[in-house]
C-alpha atoms as a PDB file:
ATOM      1  CA  MET A   1      40.437  77.991  21.213  1.00  0.00           C
ATOM      2  CA  ILE A   2      37.634  76.381  21.514  1.00  0.00           C
ATOM      3  CA  LYS A   3      34.236  78.507  19.904  1.00  0.00           C
ATOM      4  CA  LYS A   4      31.729  78.953  22.542  1.00  0.00           C
ATOM      5  CA  TRP A   5      27.854  79.502  21.335  1.00  0.00           C
ATOM      6  CA  ILE A   6      24.589  80.361  23.813  1.00  0.00           C
ATOM      7  CA  LEU A   7      21.423  78.061  23.373  1.00  0.00           C
ATOM      8  CA  ILE A   8      18.805  80.629  24.369  1.00  0.00           C
ATOM      9  CA  THR A   9      15.602  79.127  25.049  1.00  0.00           C
ATOM     10  CA  MET A  10      13.872  82.289  25.868  1.00  0.00           C
ATOM     11  CA  LEU A  11      14.557  85.634  26.615  1.00  0.00           C
ATOM     12  CA  THR A  12      14.345  87.287  30.431  1.00  0.00           C
ATOM     13  CA  PHE A  13      13.997  90.511  31.934  1.00  0.00           C
ATOM     14  CA  ALA A  14      17.180  89.939  33.867  1.00  0.00           C
ATOM     15  CA  SER A  15      20.662  90.322  32.538  1.00  0.00           C
ATOM     16  CA  VAL A  16      22.434  87.356  31.700  1.00  0.00           C
ATOM     17  CA  ALA A  17      25.731  88.438  30.720  1.00  0.00           C
ATOM     18  CA  HIS A  18      28.401  87.276  33.070  1.00  0.00           C
ATOM     19  CA  ALA A  19      29.818  89.189  35.965  1.00  0.00           C
ATOM     20  CA  SER A  20      32.036  92.120  34.741  1.00  0.00           C
ATOM     21  CA  ASN A  21      35.775  92.089  35.882  1.00  0.00           C
ATOM     22  CA  GLU A  22      34.482  94.671  38.770  1.00  0.00           C
ATOM     23  CA  CYS A  23      33.405  91.586  41.061  1.00  0.00           C
ATOM     24  CA  ASP A  24      36.670  90.206  40.511  1.00  0.00           C
ATOM     25  CA  ASN A  25      38.257  92.744  42.716  1.00  0.00           C
ATOM     26  CA  GLN A  26      35.213  92.839  45.079  1.00  0.00           C
ATOM     27  CA  ASN A  27      34.976  91.026  48.480  1.00  0.00           C
ATOM     28  CA  THR A  28      31.088  90.992  47.636  1.00  0.00           C
ATOM     29  CA  CYS A  29      29.104  91.357  44.759  1.00  0.00           C
ATOM     30  CA  THR A  30      25.350  92.014  43.537  1.00  0.00           C
ATOM     31  CA  PHE A  31      23.464  90.613  40.351  1.00  0.00           C
ATOM     32  CA  ASN A  32      20.283  91.278  39.556  1.00  0.00           C
ATOM     33  CA  CYS A  33      18.486  87.993  39.198  1.00  0.00           C
ATOM     34  CA  ALA A  34      14.633  89.148  38.452  1.00  0.00           C
ATOM     35  CA  LYS A  35      12.743  87.469  35.749  1.00  0.00           C
ATOM     36  CA  THR A  36      10.323  90.296  34.717  1.00  0.00           C
ATOM     37  CA  SER A  37       9.833  93.478  35.226  1.00  0.00           C
ATOM     38  CA  LYS A  38       7.363  92.847  37.649  1.00  0.00           C
ATOM     39  CA  ASP A  39       9.892  90.843  39.940  1.00  0.00           C
ATOM     40  CA  ASN A  40      12.379  92.034  42.339  1.00  0.00           C
ATOM     41  CA  CYS A  41      15.471  89.400  42.659  1.00  0.00           C
ATOM     42  CA  THR A  42      19.122  90.347  43.976  1.00  0.00           C
ATOM     43  CA  ALA A  43      22.126  87.945  44.159  1.00  0.00           C
ATOM     44  CA  THR A  44      24.633  88.857  46.545  1.00  0.00           C
ATOM     45  CA  LEU A  45      27.994  86.892  46.691  1.00  0.00           C
ATOM     46  CA  ASP A  46      30.067  86.784  49.921  1.00  0.00           C
ATOM     47  CA  LYS A  47      33.134  85.534  48.535  1.00  0.00           C
ATOM     48  CA  THR A  48      34.532  85.718  52.460  1.00  0.00           C
ATOM     49  CA  SER A  49      31.616  83.433  53.804  1.00  0.00           C
ATOM     50  CA  LYS A  50      31.197  81.911  50.489  1.00  0.00           C
ATOM     51  CA  THR A  51      27.702  82.171  50.197  1.00  0.00           C
ATOM     52  CA  LEU A  52      25.621  83.599  47.349  1.00  0.00           C
ATOM     53  CA  THR A  53      22.293  85.131  48.784  1.00  0.00           C
ATOM     54  CA  ILE A  54      19.000  85.060  46.634  1.00  0.00           C
ATOM     55  CA  SER A  55      16.925  88.289  48.001  1.00  0.00           C
ATOM     56  CA  GLY A  56      13.674  90.101  47.333  1.00  0.00           C
ATOM     57  CA  SER A  57      10.438  89.140  45.525  1.00  0.00           C
ATOM     58  CA  GLY A  58       8.921  87.504  43.043  1.00  0.00           C
ATOM     59  CA  GLN A  59      10.368  85.031  40.181  1.00  0.00           C
ATOM     60  CA  MET A  60      14.372  84.120  39.399  1.00  0.00           C
ATOM     61  CA  ALA A  61      15.420  84.407  35.977  1.00  0.00           C
ATOM     62  CA  ASP A  62      15.777  81.200  34.158  1.00  0.00           C
ATOM     63  CA  TYR A  63      19.745  80.339  32.759  1.00  0.00           C
ATOM     64  CA  ASN A  64      20.559  78.431  29.492  1.00  0.00           C
ATOM     65  CA  ASN A  65      23.444  76.391  28.884  1.00  0.00           C
ATOM     66  CA  ILE A  66      26.693  77.693  26.816  1.00  0.00           C
ATOM     67  CA  LEU A  67      27.649  74.817  24.599  1.00  0.00           C
ATOM     68  CA  ASP A  68      31.130  74.454  22.566  1.00  0.00           C
ATOM     69  CA  ASP A  69      30.787  73.173  19.069  1.00  0.00           C
ATOM     70  CA  ASN A  70      30.383  69.760  19.985  1.00  0.00           C
ATOM     71  CA  ASN A  71      27.316  70.273  22.137  1.00  0.00           C
ATOM     72  CA  ASN A  72      29.347  69.707  25.177  1.00  0.00           C
ATOM     73  CA  PHE A  73      28.223  71.568  28.440  1.00  0.00           C
ATOM     74  CA  ILE A  74      31.017  74.363  29.528  1.00  0.00           C
ATOM     75  CA  ALA A  75      29.154  77.007  31.685  1.00  0.00           C
ATOM     76  CA  THR A  76      25.829  78.166  31.907  1.00  0.00           C
ATOM     77  CA  ASP A  77      24.834  82.133  31.644  1.00  0.00           C
ATOM     78  CA  ALA A  78      24.052  82.968  34.994  1.00  0.00           C
ATOM     79  CA  PRO A  79      25.878  85.791  36.211  1.00  0.00           C
ATOM     80  CA  TRP A  80      27.714  84.449  39.470  1.00  0.00           C
ATOM     81  CA  TYR A  81      28.933  81.266  37.310  1.00  0.00           C
ATOM     82  CA  ASP A  82      32.467  82.480  36.940  1.00  0.00           C
ATOM     83  CA  TYR A  83      32.917  82.615  40.519  1.00  0.00           C
ATOM     84  CA  LYS A  84      31.242  78.923  41.173  1.00  0.00           C
ATOM     85  CA  ASP A  85      34.635  78.456  43.122  1.00  0.00           C
ATOM     86  CA  SER A  86      33.803  80.726  45.578  1.00  0.00           C
ATOM     87  CA  ILE A  87      30.108  79.944  46.377  1.00  0.00           C
ATOM     88  CA  LYS A  88      30.005  76.577  49.067  1.00  0.00           C
ATOM     89  CA  THR A  89      26.447  78.011  50.584  1.00  0.00           C
ATOM     90  CA  LEU A  90      23.485  78.497  49.393  1.00  0.00           C
ATOM     91  CA  LYS A  91      20.203  80.989  50.629  1.00  0.00           C
ATOM     92  CA  VAL A  92      17.077  82.220  48.938  1.00  0.00           C
ATOM     93  CA  ASP A  93      14.876  84.274  51.101  1.00  0.00           C
ATOM     94  CA  LYS A  94      11.761  84.303  51.548  1.00  0.00           C
ATOM     95  CA  GLY A  95       9.865  86.216  49.250  1.00  0.00           C
ATOM     96  CA  ILE A  96      11.490  84.835  46.257  1.00  0.00           C
ATOM     97  CA  THR A  97       9.119  82.367  44.730  1.00  0.00           C
ATOM     98  CA  THR A  98      10.760  80.361  42.144  1.00  0.00           C
ATOM     99  CA  VAL A  99      14.450  79.058  41.682  1.00  0.00           C
ATOM    100  CA  GLY A 100      15.536  79.630  38.113  1.00  0.00           C
ATOM    101  CA  ALA A 101      16.047  76.637  35.657  1.00  0.00           C
ATOM    102  CA  ARG A 102      19.459  75.880  35.768  1.00  0.00           C
ATOM    103  CA  ALA A 103      20.649  78.757  38.100  1.00  0.00           C
ATOM    104  CA  PHE A 104      23.328  76.839  40.326  1.00  0.00           C
ATOM    105  CA  LYS A 105      23.730  74.380  37.954  1.00  0.00           C
ATOM    106  CA  ASN A 106      27.410  72.467  38.327  1.00  0.00           C
ATOM    107  CA  ILE A 107      27.758  74.972  41.150  1.00  0.00           C
ATOM    108  CA  GLN A 108      29.910  71.925  42.580  1.00  0.00           C
ATOM    109  CA  LYS A 109      31.122  72.901  45.725  1.00  0.00           C
ATOM    110  CA  ILE A 110      27.899  74.315  47.301  1.00  0.00           C
ATOM    111  CA  ALA A 111      27.285  71.809  50.247  1.00  0.00           C
ATOM    112  CA  ASN A 112      24.759  73.902  52.298  1.00  0.00           C
ATOM    113  CA  VAL A 113      21.100  75.294  51.203  1.00  0.00           C
ATOM    114  CA  ASP A 114      18.866  76.837  52.599  1.00  0.00           C
ATOM    115  CA  LEU A 115      15.314  77.329  51.130  1.00  0.00           C
ATOM    116  CA  ALA A 116      12.727  79.946  52.771  1.00  0.00           C
ATOM    117  CA  ASP A 117       9.397  79.027  52.852  1.00  0.00           C
ATOM    118  CA  GLY A 118       7.115  81.038  50.366  1.00  0.00           C
ATOM    119  CA  LEU A 119       9.397  79.153  47.632  1.00  0.00           C
ATOM    120  CA  LEU A 120       6.716  77.741  44.998  1.00  0.00           C
ATOM    121  CA  LYS A 121       8.468  75.939  42.056  1.00  0.00           C
ATOM    122  CA  ILE A 122      12.327  74.542  42.102  1.00  0.00           C
ATOM    123  CA  GLY A 123      13.248  75.163  37.756  1.00  0.00           C
ATOM    124  CA  ASP A 124      14.787  72.808  35.595  1.00  0.00           C
ATOM    125  CA  GLY A 125      18.603  71.767  36.659  1.00  0.00           C
ATOM    126  CA  ALA A 126      18.271  74.236  39.267  1.00  0.00           C
ATOM    127  CA  PHE A 127      20.646  72.368  41.482  1.00  0.00           C
ATOM    128  CA  ASN A 128      21.847  69.635  38.317  1.00  0.00           C
ATOM    129  CA  THR A 129      25.715  68.173  39.610  1.00  0.00           C
ATOM    130  CA  ILE A 130      26.559  69.949  42.332  1.00  0.00           C
ATOM    131  CA  LEU A 131      28.754  67.368  43.876  1.00  0.00           C
ATOM    132  CA  ALA A 132      28.961  68.528  47.110  1.00  0.00           C
ATOM    133  CA  LEU A 133      25.437  68.388  48.007  1.00  0.00           C
ATOM    134  CA  LYS A 134      25.238  65.995  50.379  1.00  0.00           C
ATOM    135  CA  THR A 135      21.172  66.741  52.508  1.00  0.00           C
ATOM    136  CA  ILE A 136      18.475  68.994  51.813  1.00  0.00           C
ATOM    137  CA  THR A 137      14.958  70.004  53.035  1.00  0.00           C
ATOM    138  CA  ILE A 138      12.491  71.384  50.596  1.00  0.00           C
ATOM    139  CA  PRO A 139       9.978  73.817  52.411  1.00  0.00           C
ATOM    140  CA  ASP A 140       6.486  72.936  52.362  1.00  0.00           C
ATOM    141  CA  SER A 141       5.286  75.509  50.208  1.00  0.00           C
ATOM    142  CA  VAL A 142       6.996  73.899  46.809  1.00  0.00           C
ATOM    143  CA  THR A 143       4.687  72.359  45.054  1.00  0.00           C
ATOM    144  CA  THR A 144       6.606  71.637  41.877  1.00  0.00           C
ATOM    145  CA  ILE A 145      10.409  70.100  41.502  1.00  0.00           C
ATOM    146  CA  GLY A 146      11.358  70.442  37.382  1.00  0.00           C
ATOM    147  CA  THR A 147      12.883  68.212  35.234  1.00  0.00           C
ATOM    148  CA  GLY A 148      16.469  67.506  36.079  1.00  0.00           C
ATOM    149  CA  THR A 149      16.288  69.203  39.296  1.00  0.00           C
ATOM    150  CA  PHE A 150      18.853  67.164  40.963  1.00  0.00           C
ATOM    151  CA  ALA A 151      20.190  64.887  38.489  1.00  0.00           C
ATOM    152  CA  ASP A 152      23.742  64.276  38.819  1.00  0.00           C
ATOM    153  CA  CYS A 153      23.857  65.362  42.180  1.00  0.00           C
ATOM    154  CA  ARG A 154      25.590  62.238  42.868  1.00  0.00           C
ATOM    155  CA  ASN A 155      26.648  62.075  46.293  1.00  0.00           C
ATOM    156  CA  LEU A 156      23.235  63.617  47.502  1.00  0.00           C
ATOM    157  CA  LYS A 157      21.604  61.201  50.271  1.00  0.00           C
ATOM    158  CA  ASP A 158      18.904  62.711  52.385  1.00  0.00           C
ATOM    159  CA  VAL A 159      16.088  64.393  50.748  1.00  0.00           C
ATOM    160  CA  THR A 160      13.307  65.557  52.841  1.00  0.00           C
ATOM    161  CA  LEU A 161      10.542  67.106  50.315  1.00  0.00           C
ATOM    162  CA  SER A 162       7.729  69.438  50.658  1.00  0.00           C
ATOM    163  CA  GLU A 163       4.255  68.883  52.436  1.00  0.00           C
ATOM    164  CA  ASN A 164       2.554  70.271  49.538  1.00  0.00           C
ATOM    165  CA  LEU A 165       4.202  68.490  46.592  1.00  0.00           C
ATOM    166  CA  ALA A 166       2.602  68.013  43.705  1.00  0.00           C
ATOM    167  CA  THR A 167       4.548  67.532  40.878  1.00  0.00           C
ATOM    168  CA  ILE A 168       7.669  65.781  40.331  1.00  0.00           C
ATOM    169  CA  GLU A 169       9.011  65.794  36.429  1.00  0.00           C
ATOM    170  CA  TYR A 170      11.657  63.866  34.296  1.00  0.00           C
ATOM    171  CA  MET A 171      14.681  62.788  36.160  1.00  0.00           C
ATOM    172  CA  ALA A 172      14.233  65.230  38.343  1.00  0.00           C
ATOM    173  CA  PHE A 173      16.117  62.407  41.189  1.00  0.00           C
ATOM    174  CA  ALA A 174      18.344  60.675  38.474  1.00  0.00           C
ATOM    175  CA  ASN A 175      22.139  59.357  38.944  1.00  0.00           C
ATOM    176  CA  THR A 176      22.177  60.613  42.771  1.00  0.00           C
ATOM    177  CA  GLY A 177      23.074  58.880  45.941  1.00  0.00           C
ATOM    178  CA  ILE A 178      19.254  58.196  47.377  1.00  0.00           C
ATOM    179  CA  THR A 179      18.694  54.942  48.290  1.00  0.00           C
ATOM    180  CA  ASP A 180      15.183  55.599  50.183  1.00  0.00           C
ATOM    181  CA  LEU A 181      13.296  58.617  48.121  1.00  0.00           C
ATOM    182  CA  LEU A 182       9.811  59.052  50.321  1.00  0.00           C
ATOM    183  CA  LEU A 183       7.390  60.847  48.270  1.00  0.00           C
ATOM    184  CA  PRO A 184       4.698  63.016  50.666  1.00  0.00           C
ATOM    185  CA  GLU A 185       0.891  62.065  50.021  1.00  0.00           C
ATOM    186  CA  SER A 186       0.533  65.542  48.627  1.00  0.00           C
ATOM    187  CA  VAL A 187       2.036  64.474  45.376  1.00  0.00           C
ATOM    188  CA  THR A 188      -0.409  63.747  42.667  1.00  0.00           C
ATOM    189  CA  SER A 189       1.984  63.226  39.104  1.00  0.00           C
ATOM    190  CA  ILE A 190       5.403  62.329  39.142  1.00  0.00           C
ATOM    191  CA  SER A 191       7.172  61.382  35.523  1.00  0.00           C
ATOM    192  CA  GLU A 192       7.945  57.983  34.481  1.00  0.00           C
ATOM    193  CA  GLY A 193      11.793  58.872  34.229  1.00  0.00           C
ATOM    194  CA  ILE A 194      11.723  60.634  37.654  1.00  0.00           C
ATOM    195  CA  VAL A 195      14.945  58.732  38.543  1.00  0.00           C
ATOM    196  CA  ARG A 196      16.267  57.590  35.014  1.00  0.00           C
ATOM    197  CA  GLY A 197      19.461  58.316  34.685  1.00  0.00           C
ATOM    198  CA  SER A 198      23.021  55.874  33.565  1.00  0.00           C
ATOM    199  CA  ILE A 199      22.510  52.471  33.083  1.00  0.00           C
ATOM    200  CA  ASP A 200      25.750  52.172  34.234  1.00  0.00           C
ATOM    201  CA  TYR A 201      25.459  54.381  37.380  1.00  0.00           C
ATOM    202  CA  TRP A 202      22.317  52.239  38.946  1.00  0.00           C
ATOM    203  CA  GLN A 203      23.986  49.034  38.382  1.00  0.00           C
ATOM    204  CA  LYS A 204      26.137  49.956  41.070  1.00  0.00           C
ATOM    205  CA  ALA A 205      23.483  51.035  43.271  1.00  0.00           C
ATOM    206  CA  GLN A 206      22.228  48.549  45.929  1.00  0.00           C
ATOM    207  CA  ILE A 207      18.567  49.704  46.259  1.00  0.00           C
ATOM    208  CA  LEU A 208      16.202  52.075  46.001  1.00  0.00           C
ATOM    209  CA  ASN A 209      12.974  51.926  47.709  1.00  0.00           C
ATOM    210  CA  LEU A 210      10.275  54.435  46.599  1.00  0.00           C
ATOM    211  CA  TYR A 211       7.636  54.958  49.179  1.00  0.00           C
ATOM    212  CA  CYS A 212       4.207  56.186  47.314  1.00  0.00           C
ATOM    213  CA  ASN A 213       0.684  56.814  48.655  1.00  0.00           C
ATOM    214  CA  GLU A 214      -1.655  53.894  47.196  1.00  0.00           C
ATOM    215  CA  ALA A 215      -3.296  56.931  44.917  1.00  0.00           C
ATOM    216  CA  ILE A 216      -0.119  56.541  42.582  1.00  0.00           C
ATOM    217  CA  SER A 217       1.382  53.750  43.282  1.00  0.00           C
ATOM    218  CA  SER A 218       0.618  52.873  39.522  1.00  0.00           C
ATOM    219  CA  GLN A 219       2.983  55.718  38.698  1.00  0.00           C
ATOM    220  CA  CYS A 220       5.688  54.648  41.107  1.00  0.00           C
ATOM    221  CA  GLU A 221       5.895  50.878  39.543  1.00  0.00           C
ATOM    222  CA  ALA A 222       6.409  52.350  36.120  1.00  0.00           C
ATOM    223  CA  ALA A 223       8.974  54.796  37.103  1.00  0.00           C
ATOM    224  CA  LEU A 224      10.898  51.928  38.817  1.00  0.00           C
ATOM    225  CA  GLN A 225      10.224  49.313  35.796  1.00  0.00           C
ATOM    226  CA  TRP A 226      12.948  50.151  33.553  1.00  0.00           C
ATOM    227  CA  ARG A 227      15.349  49.133  36.620  1.00  0.00           C
ATOM    228  CA  LYS A 228      13.708  46.242  37.147  1.00  0.00           C
ATOM    229  CA  ASP A 229      13.948  45.590  33.607  1.00  0.00           C
ATOM    230  CA  LYS A 230      17.597  45.625  34.132  1.00  0.00           C
ATOM    231  CA  GLY A 231      17.722  43.266  37.169  1.00  0.00           C
ATOM    232  CA  ALA A 232      18.079  45.541  39.941  1.00  0.00           C
ATOM    233  CA  ASN A 233      16.478  44.867  43.152  1.00  0.00           C
ATOM    234  CA  VAL A 234      14.246  47.929  43.579  1.00  0.00           C
ATOM    235  CA  GLN A 235      10.794  48.137  44.885  1.00  0.00           C
ATOM    236  CA  VAL A 236       7.743  50.234  45.446  1.00  0.00           C
ATOM    237  CA  ILE A 237       6.437  50.897  49.256  1.00  0.00           C
ATOM    238  CA  PRO A 238       2.913  52.365  49.129  1.00  0.00           C
ATOM    239  CA  TYR A 239       1.280  53.556  52.537  1.00  0.00           C
ATOM    240  CA  GLN A 240      -2.395  54.668  52.683  1.00  0.00           C
ATOM    241  CA  LYS A 241      -3.360  58.240  53.271  1.00  0.00           C
ATOM    242  CA  ALA A 242      -6.284  58.692  55.624  1.00  0.00           C
ATOM    243  CA  SER A 243      -9.376  61.022  55.280  1.00  0.00           C
ATOM    244  CA  ASN A 244      -8.136  62.113  58.837  1.00  0.00           C
ATOM    245  CA  GLY A 245      -4.687  63.601  57.438  1.00  0.00           C
ATOM    246  CA  GLN A 246      -2.990  61.102  58.330  1.00  0.00           C
ATOM    247  CA  VAL A 247      -1.105  58.151  57.177  1.00  0.00           C
ATOM    248  CA  PHE A 248      -0.817  54.294  57.557  1.00  0.00           C
ATOM    249  CA  TYR A 249       1.946  52.315  57.343  1.00  0.00           C
ATOM    250  CA  ASN A 250       3.706  49.075  58.505  1.00  0.00           C
ATOM    251  CA  ASN A 251       0.701  48.656  60.816  1.00  0.00           C
ATOM    252  CA  LYS A 252       1.230  52.240  62.214  1.00  0.00           C
ATOM    253  CA  TRP A 253       0.222  55.819  62.123  1.00  0.00           C
ATOM    254  CA  TYR A 254       2.184  58.676  61.143  1.00  0.00           C
ATOM    255  CA  ASN A 255       1.319  62.466  60.972  1.00  0.00           C
ATOM    256  CA  SER A 256       2.152  63.053  57.692  1.00  0.00           C
ATOM    257  CA  ALA A 257       4.344  60.471  55.290  1.00  0.00           C
ATOM    258  CA  ASN A 258       7.643  62.810  55.927  1.00  0.00           C
ATOM    259  CA  ASP A 259       7.352  60.977  59.516  1.00  0.00           C
ATOM    260  CA  ILE A 260       7.351  57.143  58.295  1.00  0.00           C
ATOM    261  CA  LEU A 261      11.555  57.500  57.373  1.00  0.00           C
ATOM    262  CA  SER A 262      11.792  59.125  60.653  1.00  0.00           C
ATOM    263  CA  GLY A 263       9.947  56.856  62.444  1.00  0.00           C
ATOM    264  CA  GLU A 264       8.009  59.114  64.466  1.00  0.00           C
ATOM    265  CA  TYR A 265       4.402  57.415  64.056  1.00  0.00           C
ATOM    266  CA  ALA A 266       1.902  58.876  66.780  1.00  0.00           C
ATOM    267  CA  LYS A 267       2.314  57.181  69.926  1.00  0.00           C
ATOM    268  CA  LYS A 268       0.187  59.249  71.714  1.00  0.00           C
ATOM    269  CA  ARG A 269      -3.001  58.438  69.685  1.00  0.00           C
ATOM    270  CA  ILE A 270      -5.242  55.109  71.023  1.00  0.00           C
ATOM    271  CA  TYR A 271      -7.128  53.362  68.076  1.00  0.00           C
ATOM    272  CA  THR A 272     -10.167  51.341  68.461  1.00  0.00           C
ATOM    273  CA  VAL A 273     -10.907  48.619  66.185  1.00  0.00           C
ATOM    274  CA  ASP A 274     -13.874  50.624  64.581  1.00  0.00           C
ATOM    275  CA  GLU A 275     -11.822  53.795  63.962  1.00  0.00           C
ATOM    276  CA  ALA A 276      -9.142  51.629  62.437  1.00  0.00           C
ATOM    277  CA  ASN A 277     -11.588  49.965  60.049  1.00  0.00           C
ATOM    278  CA  LYS A 278     -13.144  53.641  59.310  1.00  0.00           C
ATOM    279  CA  ILE A 279     -10.354  55.156  58.566  1.00  0.00           C
ATOM    280  CA  THR A 280      -8.717  51.894  56.627  1.00  0.00           C
ATOM    281  CA  GLY A 281     -12.104  51.058  54.939  1.00  0.00           C
ATOM    282  CA  LYS A 282     -11.398  47.732  55.787  1.00  0.00           C
ATOM    283  CA  LYS A 283     -13.183  45.004  57.881  1.00  0.00           C
ATOM    284  CA  ASN A 284     -12.161  43.455  61.004  1.00  0.00           C
ATOM    285  CA  SER A 285      -8.773  45.222  61.568  1.00  0.00           C
ATOM    286  CA  VAL A 286      -6.607  44.852  64.280  1.00  0.00           C
ATOM    287  CA  ALA A 287      -7.094  47.234  66.649  1.00  0.00           C
ATOM    288  CA  ILE A 288      -3.495  49.707  66.701  1.00  0.00           C
ATOM    289  CA  LYS A 289      -2.777  51.354  70.187  1.00  0.00           C
ATOM    290  CA  TYR A 290       0.371  53.547  71.010  1.00  0.00           C
ATOM    291  CA  LYS A 291       0.519  54.954  74.427  1.00  0.00           C
END
């Protein structure tokens, strides 16, 4: 029998014990998920609909890895982890301000994630190794994505990031299926290891286009350099943020950077040469007109 031990990184107000046998015989179970005594967080698992709903107010607790004697991952101490095969949909309701570290790590069958506006931070490894996850939208209230948040979500291909996102930390998108990652114009800081991961895995990836505001293009170049050194076909694609709040890319104006991949450029605007010069700071620009 493998001896288990828990690597404790911090103490939280929330109970981190695994779910009691009582939940085994119930279709609906509730768990406390508050980080401190000032927070009010409840997790409700509906086994019939296979939905885990996080509701209340304030911060979620952070959770820890459970490792064996050889430091191999076994589980997390999130109280719903014992029922991970009963969770396919995750909802985080309005009022919750943070998703706790490792809260849903390795719950591999989660295919649908609904994050309500008002969320400010997604903690370290919160969605790490969720293999069923293919697409996710981060609400515009989120400003920080933590270390390894989506690492090893190998089937994740479509991510819409918050238009107020400021910071993306180490390995946040390592070993995913993303080929085009667009960073909103609000991003001011990214780790050099934002997409760093398994060399063998990335050698199989055809390309990674990293769309970046010119203001952080040097950070983006640094983030992809390790892959360039391995001969990978990767590139940083810069766009320019204008003073009027729009962005300029490939001779078109967009209302936000997130519109670039969708192709939704500002068709109804008419730009004169003078206006284009003023916004881009360049001289002799060609007039850009959309009707």
